[in-house]
Amino acid sequence: VDTDRLRIIAKQKRFQALSRELNKIKEQFEGRTELEEQAQSSMDRAME
């Protein structure tokens, strides 16, 4: 898993792209939960 790339996407606030990437990745990796929660909360607030 290219975790550095995922973290860069999150830093750019491209959380729709991050959600798509995480959906494609089946493996569990360190920091996945934090990325998923960050993407979800950001998308929810943006949607409101």
All heavy atoms as atom14 arrays in JSON, in Angstrom:
{
  "sequence": "VDTDRLRIIAKQKRFQALSRELNKIKEQFEGRTELEEQAQSSMDRAME",
  "atom14_mask": [
    [1, 1, 1, 1, 1, 1, 1, 0, 0, 0, 0, 0, 0, 0],
    [1, 1, 1, 1, 1, 1, 1, 1, 0, 0, 0, 0, 0, 0],
    [1, 1, 1, 1, 1, 1, 1, 0, 0, 0, 0, 0, 0, 0],
    [1, 1, 1, 1, 1, 1, 1, 1, 0, 0, 0, 0, 0, 0],
    [1, 1, 1, 1, 1, 1, 1, 1, 1, 1, 1, 0, 0, 0],
    [1, 1, 1, 1, 1, 1, 1, 1, 0, 0, 0, 0, 0, 0],
    [1, 1, 1, 1, 1, 1, 1, 1, 1, 1, 1, 0, 0, 0],
    [1, 1, 1, 1, 1, 1, 1, 1, 0, 0, 0, 0, 0, 0],
    [1, 1, 1, 1, 1, 1, 1, 1, 0, 0, 0, 0, 0, 0],
    [1, 1, 1, 1, 1, 0, 0, 0, 0, 0, 0, 0, 0, 0],
    [1, 1, 1, 1, 1, 1, 1, 1, 1, 0, 0, 0, 0, 0],
    [1, 1, 1, 1, 1, 1, 1, 1, 1, 0, 0, 0, 0, 0],
    [1, 1, 1, 1, 1, 1, 1, 1, 1, 0, 0, 0, 0, 0],
    [1, 1, 1, 1, 1, 1, 1, 1, 1, 1, 1, 0, 0, 0],
    [1, 1, 1, 1, 1, 1, 1, 1, 1, 1, 1, 0, 0, 0],
    [1, 1, 1, 1, 1, 1, 1, 1, 1, 0, 0, 0, 0, 0],
    [1, 1, 1, 1, 1, 0, 0, 0, 0, 0, 0, 0, 0, 0],
    [1, 1, 1, 1, 1, 1, 1, 1, 0, 0, 0, 0, 0, 0],
    [1, 1, 1, 1, 1, 1, 0, 0, 0, 0, 0, 0, 0, 0],
    [1, 1, 1, 1, 1, 1, 1, 1, 1, 1, 1, 0, 0, 0],
    [1, 1, 1, 1, 1, 1, 1, 1, 1, 0, 0, 0, 0, 0],
    [1, 1, 1, 1, 1, 1, 1, 1, 0, 0, 0, 0, 0, 0],
    [1, 1, 1, 1, 1, 1, 1, 1, 0, 0, 0, 0, 0, 0],
    [1, 1, 1, 1, 1, 1, 1, 1, 1, 0, 0, 0, 0, 0],
    [1, 1, 1, 1, 1, 1, 1, 1, 0, 0, 0, 0, 0, 0],
    [1, 1, 1, 1, 1, 1, 1, 1, 1, 0, 0, 0, 0, 0],
    [1, 1, 1, 1, 1, 1, 1, 1, 1, 0, 0, 0, 0, 0],
    [1, 1, 1, 1, 1, 1, 1, 1, 1, 0, 0, 0, 0, 0],
    [1, 1, 1, 1, 1, 1, 1, 1, 1, 1, 1, 0, 0, 0],
    [1, 1, 1, 1, 1, 1, 1, 1, 1, 0, 0, 0, 0, 0],
    [1, 1, 1, 1, 0, 0, 0, 0, 0, 0, 0, 0, 0, 0],
    [1, 1, 1, 1, 1, 1, 1, 1, 1, 1, 1, 0, 0, 0],
    [1, 1, 1, 1, 1, 1, 1, 0, 0, 0, 0, 0, 0, 0],
    [1, 1, 1, 1, 1, 1, 1, 1, 1, 0, 0, 0, 0, 0],
    [1, 1, 1, 1, 1, 1, 1, 1, 0, 0, 0, 0, 0, 0],
    [1, 1, 1, 1, 1, 1, 1, 1, 1, 0, 0, 0, 0, 0],
    [1, 1, 1, 1, 1, 1, 1, 1, 1, 0, 0, 0, 0, 0],
    [1, 1, 1, 1, 1, 1, 1, 1, 1, 0, 0, 0, 0, 0],
    [1, 1, 1, 1, 1, 0, 0, 0, 0, 0, 0, 0, 0, 0],
    [1, 1, 1, 1, 1, 1, 1, 1, 1, 0, 0, 0, 0, 0],
    [1, 1, 1, 1, 1, 1, 0, 0, 0, 0, 0, 0, 0, 0],
    [1, 1, 1, 1, 1, 1, 0, 0, 0, 0, 0, 0, 0, 0],
    [1, 1, 1, 1, 1, 1, 1, 1, 0, 0, 0, 0, 0, 0],
    [1, 1, 1, 1, 1, 1, 1, 1, 0, 0, 0, 0, 0, 0],
    [1, 1, 1, 1, 1, 1, 1, 1, 1, 1, 1, 0, 0, 0],
    [1, 1, 1, 1, 1, 0, 0, 0, 0, 0, 0, 0, 0, 0],
    [1, 1, 1, 1, 1, 1, 1, 1, 0, 0, 0, 0, 0, 0],
    [1, 1, 1, 1, 1, 1, 1, 1, 1, 0, 0, 0, 0, 0]
  ],
  "atom14_positions": [
    [[0.84, -1.19, 0.0], [0.0, 0.0, 0.0], [0.88, 1.24, 0.0], [1.77, 1.39, 0.84], [-0.93, 0.02, 1.24], [-1.77, 1.29, 1.24], [-1.82, -1.21, 1.27], [0.0, 0.0, 0.0], [0.0, 0.0, 0.0], [0.0, 0.0, 0.0], [0.0, 0.0, 0.0], [0.0, 0.0, 0.0], [0.0, 0.0, 0.0], [0.0, 0.0, 0.0]],
    [[0.63, 2.13, -0.95], [1.39, 3.37, -1.04], [0.8, 4.37, -0.04], [0.01, 5.25, -0.4], [1.33, 3.91, -2.46], [2.27, 5.09, -2.68], [2.82, 5.61, -1.67], [2.46, 5.51, -3.84], [0.0, 0.0, 0.0], [0.0, 0.0, 0.0], [0.0, 0.0, 0.0], [0.0, 0.0, 0.0], [0.0, 0.0, 0.0], [0.0, 0.0, 0.0]],
    [[1.16, 4.23, 1.21], [0.59, 5.07, 2.26], [1.0, 6.54, 2.12], [0.24, 7.44, 2.49], [1.0, 4.54, 3.64], [2.43, 4.39, 3.69], [0.35, 3.18, 3.91], [0.0, 0.0, 0.0], [0.0, 0.0, 0.0], [0.0, 0.0, 0.0], [0.0, 0.0, 0.0], [0.0, 0.0, 0.0], [0.0, 0.0, 0.0], [0.0, 0.0, 0.0]],
    [[2.2, 6.77, 1.61], [2.63, 8.16, 1.42], [1.7, 8.89, 0.45], [1.34, 10.04, 0.67], [4.07, 8.21, 0.9], [5.09, 7.83, 1.95], [4.75, 7.91, 3.15], [6.21, 7.43, 1.59], [0.0, 0.0, 0.0], [0.0, 0.0, 0.0], [0.0, 0.0, 0.0], [0.0, 0.0, 0.0], [0.0, 0.0, 0.0], [0.0, 0.0, 0.0]],
    [[1.32, 8.19, -0.61], [0.41, 8.8, -1.59], [-0.94, 9.1, -0.96], [-1.54, 10.16, -1.21], [0.23, 7.86, -2.79], [-0.72, 8.39, -3.86], [-0.7, 7.5, -5.09], [-1.64, 7.97, -6.09], [-2.92, 7.63, -6.14], [-3.41, 6.8, -5.22], [-3.73, 8.1, -7.07], [0.0, 0.0, 0.0], [0.0, 0.0, 0.0], [0.0, 0.0, 0.0]],
    [[-1.45, 8.18, -0.13], [-2.73, 8.4, 0.54], [-2.67, 9.61, 1.45], [-3.61, 10.41, 1.52], [-3.13, 7.15, 1.32], [-3.39, 5.88, 0.51], [-3.73, 4.72, 1.45], [-4.52, 6.09, -0.49], [0.0, 0.0, 0.0], [0.0, 0.0, 0.0], [0.0, 0.0, 0.0], [0.0, 0.0, 0.0], [0.0, 0.0, 0.0], [0.0, 0.0, 0.0]],
    [[-1.57, 9.76, 2.13], [-1.43, 10.88, 3.06], [-1.32, 12.21, 2.32], [-1.81, 13.24, 2.77], [-0.2, 10.66, 3.95], [-0.32, 9.42, 4.85], [0.95, 9.17, 5.6], [1.2, 10.19, 6.61], [2.34, 10.31, 7.27], [3.35, 9.5, 7.0], [2.49, 11.25, 8.19], [0.0, 0.0, 0.0], [0.0, 0.0, 0.0], [0.0, 0.0, 0.0]],
    [[-0.69, 12.19, 1.15], [-0.6, 13.4, 0.33], [-1.99, 13.8, -0.17], [-2.36, 14.97, -0.17], [0.37, 13.19, -0.85], [1.81, 13.14, -0.32], [0.22, 14.29, -1.88], [2.84, 12.77, -1.36], [0.0, 0.0, 0.0], [0.0, 0.0, 0.0], [0.0, 0.0, 0.0], [0.0, 0.0, 0.0], [0.0, 0.0, 0.0], [0.0, 0.0, 0.0]],
    [[-2.77, 12.81, -0.6], [-4.14, 13.08, -1.06], [-4.95, 13.72, 0.07], [-5.7, 14.68, -0.13], [-4.82, 11.79, -1.55], [-4.15, 11.29, -2.83], [-6.31, 12.01, -1.81], [-4.65, 9.94, -3.3], [0.0, 0.0, 0.0], [0.0, 0.0, 0.0], [0.0, 0.0, 0.0], [0.0, 0.0, 0.0], [0.0, 0.0, 0.0], [0.0, 0.0, 0.0]],
    [[-4.79, 13.19, 1.29], [-5.5, 13.75, 2.45], [-5.03, 15.17, 2.74], [-5.83, 16.05, 3.07], [-5.3, 12.85, 3.67], [0.0, 0.0, 0.0], [0.0, 0.0, 0.0], [0.0, 0.0, 0.0], [0.0, 0.0, 0.0], [0.0, 0.0, 0.0], [0.0, 0.0, 0.0], [0.0, 0.0, 0.0], [0.0, 0.0, 0.0], [0.0, 0.0, 0.0]],
    [[-3.72, 15.4, 2.62], [-3.19, 16.74, 2.87], [-3.75, 17.74, 1.88], [-3.97, 18.92, 2.21], [-1.66, 16.72, 2.76], [-0.99, 18.06, 3.04], [-0.31, 18.06, 4.36], [0.41, 19.39, 4.6], [1.24, 19.37, 5.81], [0.0, 0.0, 0.0], [0.0, 0.0, 0.0], [0.0, 0.0, 0.0], [0.0, 0.0, 0.0], [0.0, 0.0, 0.0]],
    [[-4.01, 17.29, 0.66], [-4.6, 18.16, -0.37], [-6.1, 18.33, -0.17], [-6.74, 19.07, -0.92], [-4.36, 17.56, -1.76], [-2.91, 17.53, -2.18], [-2.72, 16.8, -3.5], [-3.39, 15.81, -3.77], [-1.83, 17.29, -4.33], [0.0, 0.0, 0.0], [0.0, 0.0, 0.0], [0.0, 0.0, 0.0], [0.0, 0.0, 0.0], [0.0, 0.0, 0.0]],
    [[-6.67, 17.65, 0.81], [-8.11, 17.69, 1.11], [-8.94, 17.11, -0.05], [-10.09, 17.48, -0.24], [-8.57, 19.12, 1.43], [-7.88, 19.7, 2.65], [-8.38, 21.09, 2.97], [-7.66, 21.66, 4.19], [-8.12, 23.02, 4.53], [0.0, 0.0, 0.0], [0.0, 0.0, 0.0], [0.0, 0.0, 0.0], [0.0, 0.0, 0.0], [0.0, 0.0, 0.0]],
    [[-8.37, 16.19, -0.77], [-9.08, 15.52, -1.86], [-9.71, 14.24, -1.29], [-9.33, 13.12, -1.58], [-8.12, 15.2, -3.0], [-7.58, 16.44, -3.71], [-6.4, 16.14, -4.62], [-6.72, 15.05, -5.52], [-5.83, 14.13, -5.89], [-4.61, 14.14, -5.39], [-6.18, 13.18, -6.73], [0.0, 0.0, 0.0], [0.0, 0.0, 0.0], [0.0, 0.0, 0.0]],
    [[-10.72, 14.45, -0.45], [-11.26, 13.34, 0.31], [-12.18, 12.44, -0.51], [-12.4, 11.28, -0.15], [-11.97, 13.85, 1.56], [-11.02, 14.43, 2.56], [-11.04, 15.78, 2.87], [-10.08, 13.63, 3.18], [-10.15, 16.32, 3.78], [-9.18, 14.14, 4.11], [-9.21, 15.5, 4.4], [0.0, 0.0, 0.0], [0.0, 0.0, 0.0], [0.0, 0.0, 0.0]],
    [[-12.73, 12.95, -1.61], [-13.48, 12.06, -2.49], [-12.53, 11.06, -3.13], [-12.81, 9.85, -3.19], [-14.23, 12.83, -3.57], [-15.13, 11.91, -4.4], [-15.64, 12.55, -5.67], [-15.03, 13.47, -6.19], [-16.74, 12.05, -6.18], [0.0, 0.0, 0.0], [0.0, 0.0, 0.0], [0.0, 0.0, 0.0], [0.0, 0.0, 0.0], [0.0, 0.0, 0.0]],
    [[-11.39, 11.54, -3.62], [-10.38, 10.66, -4.2], [-9.84, 9.69, -3.15], [-9.63, 8.5, -3.44], [-9.24, 11.48, -4.8], [0.0, 0.0, 0.0], [0.0, 0.0, 0.0], [0.0, 0.0, 0.0], [0.0, 0.0, 0.0], [0.0, 0.0, 0.0], [0.0, 0.0, 0.0], [0.0, 0.0, 0.0], [0.0, 0.0, 0.0], [0.0, 0.0, 0.0]],
    [[-9.65, 10.17, -1.94], [-9.15, 9.31, -0.87], [-10.14, 8.19, -0.56], [-9.75, 7.03, -0.38], [-8.87, 10.14, 0.39], [-8.33, 9.36, 1.6], [-7.01, 8.69, 1.27], [-8.19, 10.28, 2.8], [0.0, 0.0, 0.0], [0.0, 0.0, 0.0], [0.0, 0.0, 0.0], [0.0, 0.0, 0.0], [0.0, 0.0, 0.0], [0.0, 0.0, 0.0]],
    [[-11.42, 8.52, -0.51], [-12.44, 7.5, -0.25], [-12.43, 6.43, -1.34], [-12.55, 5.23, -1.05], [-13.83, 8.14, -0.17], [-13.93, 9.04, 0.92], [0.0, 0.0, 0.0], [0.0, 0.0, 0.0], [0.0, 0.0, 0.0], [0.0, 0.0, 0.0], [0.0, 0.0, 0.0], [0.0, 0.0, 0.0], [0.0, 0.0, 0.0], [0.0, 0.0, 0.0]],
    [[-12.28, 6.86, -2.59], [-12.23, 5.88, -3.68], [-11.02, 4.97, -3.54], [-11.11, 3.76, -3.74], [-12.18, 6.61, -5.04], [-13.45, 7.34, -5.43], [-13.49, 7.61, -6.92], [-12.31, 8.33, -7.37], [-12.23, 9.65, -7.48], [-13.27, 10.4, -7.15], [-11.12, 10.23, -7.92], [0.0, 0.0, 0.0], [0.0, 0.0, 0.0], [0.0, 0.0, 0.0]],
    [[-9.87, 5.55, -3.21], [-8.66, 4.76, -3.07], [-8.79, 3.75, -1.93], [-8.41, 2.58, -2.08], [-7.46, 5.68, -2.81], [-7.08, 6.58, -3.98], [-6.56, 5.78, -5.17], [-5.92, 4.73, -4.96], [-6.8, 6.21, -6.32], [0.0, 0.0, 0.0], [0.0, 0.0, 0.0], [0.0, 0.0, 0.0], [0.0, 0.0, 0.0], [0.0, 0.0, 0.0]],
    [[-9.32, 4.19, -0.8], [-9.46, 3.28, 0.34], [-10.44, 2.16, 0.04], [-10.27, 1.03, 0.5], [-9.92, 4.07, 1.58], [-8.88, 5.04, 2.15], [-9.5, 5.9, 3.26], [-7.67, 4.28, 2.7], [0.0, 0.0, 0.0], [0.0, 0.0, 0.0], [0.0, 0.0, 0.0], [0.0, 0.0, 0.0], [0.0, 0.0, 0.0], [0.0, 0.0, 0.0]],
    [[-11.48, 2.45, -0.74], [-12.44, 1.41, -1.1], [-11.8, 0.32, -1.95], [-12.22, -0.84, -1.9], [-13.62, 2.02, -1.87], [-14.55, 2.82, -0.97], [-14.53, 2.65, 0.24], [-15.34, 3.69, -1.56], [0.0, 0.0, 0.0], [0.0, 0.0, 0.0], [0.0, 0.0, 0.0], [0.0, 0.0, 0.0], [0.0, 0.0, 0.0], [0.0, 0.0, 0.0]],
    [[-10.8, 0.7, -2.73], [-10.14, -0.27, -3.6], [-9.13, -1.14, -2.85], [-8.79, -2.23, -3.31], [-9.42, 0.45, -4.74], [-10.34, 1.2, -5.7], [-9.51, 1.95, -6.74], [-10.4, 2.77, -7.67], [-9.58, 3.54, -8.65], [0.0, 0.0, 0.0], [0.0, 0.0, 0.0], [0.0, 0.0, 0.0], [0.0, 0.0, 0.0], [0.0, 0.0, 0.0]],
    [[-8.65, -0.64, -1.73], [-7.6, -1.35, -0.98], [-8.23, -2.32, 0.02], [-9.0, -1.9, 0.9], [-6.69, -0.34, -0.24], [-5.99, 0.57, -1.25], [-5.65, -1.08, 0.61], [-5.22, 1.72, -0.61], [0.0, 0.0, 0.0], [0.0, 0.0, 0.0], [0.0, 0.0, 0.0], [0.0, 0.0, 0.0], [0.0, 0.0, 0.0], [0.0, 0.0, 0.0]],
    [[-7.94, -3.58, -0.1], [-8.5, -4.58, 0.8], [-7.64, -4.8, 2.04], [-8.14, -5.22, 3.08], [-8.66, -5.92, 0.05], [-9.51, -5.83, -1.22], [-10.88, -5.28, -0.93], [-11.72, -5.15, -2.2], [-13.03, -4.5, -1.93], [0.0, 0.0, 0.0], [0.0, 0.0, 0.0], [0.0, 0.0, 0.0], [0.0, 0.0, 0.0], [0.0, 0.0, 0.0]],
    [[-6.34, -4.52, 1.91], [-5.43, -4.78, 3.02], [-5.66, -3.8, 4.18], [-6.06, -2.66, 3.97], [-3.97, -4.66, 2.56], [-3.57, -5.66, 1.5], [-3.77, -5.1, 0.1], [-4.62, -4.18, -0.05], [-3.11, -5.59, -0.82], [0.0, 0.0, 0.0], [0.0, 0.0, 0.0], [0.0, 0.0, 0.0], [0.0, 0.0, 0.0], [0.0, 0.0, 0.0]],
    [[-5.4, -4.28, 5.37], [-5.37, -3.4, 6.54], [-3.95, -2.88, 6.69], [-2.98, -3.59, 6.44], [-5.78, -4.17, 7.8], [-7.24, -4.57, 7.82], [-8.18, -3.36, 7.83], [-7.89, -2.36, 8.47], [-9.29, -3.48, 7.11], [0.0, 0.0, 0.0], [0.0, 0.0, 0.0], [0.0, 0.0, 0.0], [0.0, 0.0, 0.0], [0.0, 0.0, 0.0]],
    [[-3.81, -1.61, 7.07], [-2.48, -1.04, 7.26], [-2.55, 0.01, 8.35], [-3.62, 0.53, 8.69], [-1.96, -0.44, 5.95], [-2.85, 0.62, 5.35], [-2.71, 1.96, 5.71], [-3.84, 0.27, 4.43], [-3.54, 2.93, 5.17], [-4.67, 1.24, 3.88], [-4.52, 2.57, 4.24], [0.0, 0.0, 0.0], [0.0, 0.0, 0.0], [0.0, 0.0, 0.0]],
    [[-1.41, 0.33, 8.9], [-1.33, 1.31, 9.97], [-1.83, 2.67, 9.48], [-1.4, 3.16, 8.44], [0.11, 1.46, 10.46], [0.65, 0.27, 11.21], [-0.02, 0.1, 12.55], [-0.51, 1.1, 13.11], [-0.07, -1.05, 13.05], [0.0, 0.0, 0.0], [0.0, 0.0, 0.0], [0.0, 0.0, 0.0], [0.0, 0.0, 0.0], [0.0, 0.0, 0.0]],
    [[-2.75, 3.25, 10.23], [-3.27, 4.57, 9.88], [-4.51, 4.53, 9.02], [-5.08, 5.58, 8.73], [0.0, 0.0, 0.0], [0.0, 0.0, 0.0], [0.0, 0.0, 0.0], [0.0, 0.0, 0.0], [0.0, 0.0, 0.0], [0.0, 0.0, 0.0], [0.0, 0.0, 0.0], [0.0, 0.0, 0.0], [0.0, 0.0, 0.0], [0.0, 0.0, 0.0]],
    [[-4.96, 3.34, 8.59], [-6.14, 3.27, 7.73], [-7.37, 3.84, 8.43], [-8.14, 4.6, 7.84], [-6.41, 1.83, 7.3], [-7.66, 1.72, 6.44], [-7.91, 0.33, 5.91], [-9.07, 0.37, 5.03], [-9.12, -0.13, 3.8], [-8.05, -0.73, 3.29], [-10.21, -0.04, 3.08], [0.0, 0.0, 0.0], [0.0, 0.0, 0.0], [0.0, 0.0, 0.0]],
    [[-7.59, 3.46, 9.68], [-8.77, 3.92, 10.4], [-8.81, 5.44, 10.49], [-9.86, 6.06, 10.28], [-8.8, 3.31, 11.81], [-8.85, 1.88, 11.7], [-10.02, 3.81, 12.58], [0.0, 0.0, 0.0], [0.0, 0.0, 0.0], [0.0, 0.0, 0.0], [0.0, 0.0, 0.0], [0.0, 0.0, 0.0], [0.0, 0.0, 0.0], [0.0, 0.0, 0.0]],
    [[-7.65, 6.05, 10.8], [-7.6, 7.51, 10.91], [-7.93, 8.17, 9.57], [-8.65, 9.18, 9.52], [-6.22, 7.96, 11.39], [-5.94, 7.67, 12.86], [-5.58, 6.21, 13.1], [-5.37, 5.46, 12.12], [-5.5, 5.81, 14.27], [0.0, 0.0, 0.0], [0.0, 0.0, 0.0], [0.0, 0.0, 0.0], [0.0, 0.0, 0.0], [0.0, 0.0, 0.0]],
    [[-7.4, 7.61, 8.48], [-7.69, 8.16, 7.15], [-9.17, 8.03, 6.81], [-9.78, 8.96, 6.28], [-6.84, 7.45, 6.1], [-5.36, 7.82, 6.04], [-4.62, 6.86, 5.11], [-5.18, 9.26, 5.58], [0.0, 0.0, 0.0], [0.0, 0.0, 0.0], [0.0, 0.0, 0.0], [0.0, 0.0, 0.0], [0.0, 0.0, 0.0], [0.0, 0.0, 0.0]],
    [[-9.75, 6.87, 7.12], [-11.16, 6.66, 6.81], [-12.05, 7.61, 7.6], [-13.0, 8.18, 7.06], [-11.54, 5.21, 7.13], [-10.96, 4.2, 6.16], [-11.26, 2.77, 6.54], [-11.48, 2.5, 7.76], [-11.28, 1.9, 5.66], [0.0, 0.0, 0.0], [0.0, 0.0, 0.0], [0.0, 0.0, 0.0], [0.0, 0.0, 0.0], [0.0, 0.0, 0.0]],
    [[-11.72, 7.8, 8.89], [-12.52, 8.7, 9.72], [-12.37, 10.15, 9.25], [-13.35, 10.91, 9.23], [-12.1, 8.57, 11.18], [-12.48, 7.23, 11.8], [-11.99, 7.08, 13.22], [-11.19, 7.98, 13.66], [-12.36, 6.11, 13.89], [0.0, 0.0, 0.0], [0.0, 0.0, 0.0], [0.0, 0.0, 0.0], [0.0, 0.0, 0.0], [0.0, 0.0, 0.0]],
    [[-11.16, 10.53, 8.87], [-10.94, 11.89, 8.39], [-11.71, 12.15, 7.1], [-12.34, 13.19, 6.93], [-9.45, 12.14, 8.18], [-9.12, 13.59, 7.85], [-7.63, 13.81, 7.64], [-6.89, 12.86, 7.41], [-7.2, 15.05, 7.68], [0.0, 0.0, 0.0], [0.0, 0.0, 0.0], [0.0, 0.0, 0.0], [0.0, 0.0, 0.0], [0.0, 0.0, 0.0]],
    [[-11.65, 11.18, 6.18], [-12.36, 11.33, 4.92], [-13.87, 11.38, 5.14], [-14.57, 12.21, 4.56], [-12.01, 10.17, 3.98], [0.0, 0.0, 0.0], [0.0, 0.0, 0.0], [0.0, 0.0, 0.0], [0.0, 0.0, 0.0], [0.0, 0.0, 0.0], [0.0, 0.0, 0.0], [0.0, 0.0, 0.0], [0.0, 0.0, 0.0], [0.0, 0.0, 0.0]],
    [[-14.38, 10.5, 6.01], [-15.82, 10.43, 6.23], [-16.35, 11.71, 6.88], [-17.35, 12.28, 6.43], [-16.15, 9.24, 7.13], [-17.63, 9.05, 7.38], [-18.38, 8.7, 6.13], [-18.14, 7.67, 5.53], [-19.29, 9.56, 5.7], [0.0, 0.0, 0.0], [0.0, 0.0, 0.0], [0.0, 0.0, 0.0], [0.0, 0.0, 0.0], [0.0, 0.0, 0.0]],
    [[-15.68, 12.18, 7.93], [-16.15, 13.38, 8.63], [-16.08, 14.61, 7.72], [-16.97, 15.46, 7.74], [-15.33, 13.61, 9.9], [-13.96, 13.82, 9.6], [0.0, 0.0, 0.0], [0.0, 0.0, 0.0], [0.0, 0.0, 0.0], [0.0, 0.0, 0.0], [0.0, 0.0, 0.0], [0.0, 0.0, 0.0], [0.0, 0.0, 0.0], [0.0, 0.0, 0.0]],
    [[-15.03, 14.68, 6.91], [-14.89, 15.82, 6.0], [-15.97, 15.8, 4.92], [-16.56, 16.83, 4.6], [-13.5, 15.82, 5.36], [-12.49, 15.97, 6.34], [0.0, 0.0, 0.0], [0.0, 0.0, 0.0], [0.0, 0.0, 0.0], [0.0, 0.0, 0.0], [0.0, 0.0, 0.0], [0.0, 0.0, 0.0], [0.0, 0.0, 0.0], [0.0, 0.0, 0.0]],
    [[-16.23, 14.62, 4.35], [-17.26, 14.51, 3.32], [-18.65, 14.82, 3.89], [-19.47, 15.47, 3.24], [-17.24, 13.11, 2.71], [-16.05, 12.83, 1.81], [-15.97, 13.86, 0.32], [-17.41, 13.27, -0.58], [0.0, 0.0, 0.0], [0.0, 0.0, 0.0], [0.0, 0.0, 0.0], [0.0, 0.0, 0.0], [0.0, 0.0, 0.0], [0.0, 0.0, 0.0]],
    [[-18.92, 14.36, 5.11], [-20.21, 14.62, 5.74], [-20.43, 16.11, 5.94], [-21.5, 16.64, 5.65], [-20.32, 13.89, 7.09], [-20.51, 12.39, 6.93], [-20.83, 11.95, 5.81], [-20.34, 11.66, 7.92], [0.0, 0.0, 0.0], [0.0, 0.0, 0.0], [0.0, 0.0, 0.0], [0.0, 0.0, 0.0], [0.0, 0.0, 0.0], [0.0, 0.0, 0.0]],
    [[-19.4, 16.8, 6.48], [-19.53, 18.24, 6.73], [-19.66, 19.0, 5.42], [-20.48, 19.92, 5.29], [-18.32, 18.73, 7.52], [-18.34, 20.25, 7.8], [-19.62, 20.67, 8.48], [-19.68, 22.1, 8.71], [-20.79, 22.79, 8.8], [-21.98, 22.18, 8.69], [-20.76, 24.09, 9.03], [0.0, 0.0, 0.0], [0.0, 0.0, 0.0], [0.0, 0.0, 0.0]],
    [[-18.86, 18.61, 4.41], [-18.93, 19.28, 3.11], [-20.3, 19.08, 2.48], [-20.84, 20.0, 1.84], [-17.83, 18.75, 2.19], [0.0, 0.0, 0.0], [0.0, 0.0, 0.0], [0.0, 0.0, 0.0], [0.0, 0.0, 0.0], [0.0, 0.0, 0.0], [0.0, 0.0, 0.0], [0.0, 0.0, 0.0], [0.0, 0.0, 0.0], [0.0, 0.0, 0.0]],
    [[-20.88, 17.91, 2.65], [-22.19, 17.62, 2.08], [-23.26, 18.52, 2.71], [-24.13, 19.06, 2.01], [-22.55, 16.15, 2.3], [-23.83, 15.71, 1.63], [-24.15, 13.95, 1.89], [-22.73, 13.23, 1.05], [0.0, 0.0, 0.0], [0.0, 0.0, 0.0], [0.0, 0.0, 0.0], [0.0, 0.0, 0.0], [0.0, 0.0, 0.0], [0.0, 0.0, 0.0]],
    [[-23.18, 18.73, 4.03], [-24.13, 19.62, 4.7], [-24.04, 21.03, 4.14], [-25.06, 21.67, 3.84], [-23.86, 19.62, 6.2], [-24.17, 18.31, 6.91], [-23.79, 18.37, 8.38], [-23.39, 19.46, 8.84], [-23.87, 17.33, 9.06], [0.0, 0.0, 0.0], [0.0, 0.0, 0.0], [0.0, 0.0, 0.0], [0.0, 0.0, 0.0], [0.0, 0.0, 0.0]]
  ]
}
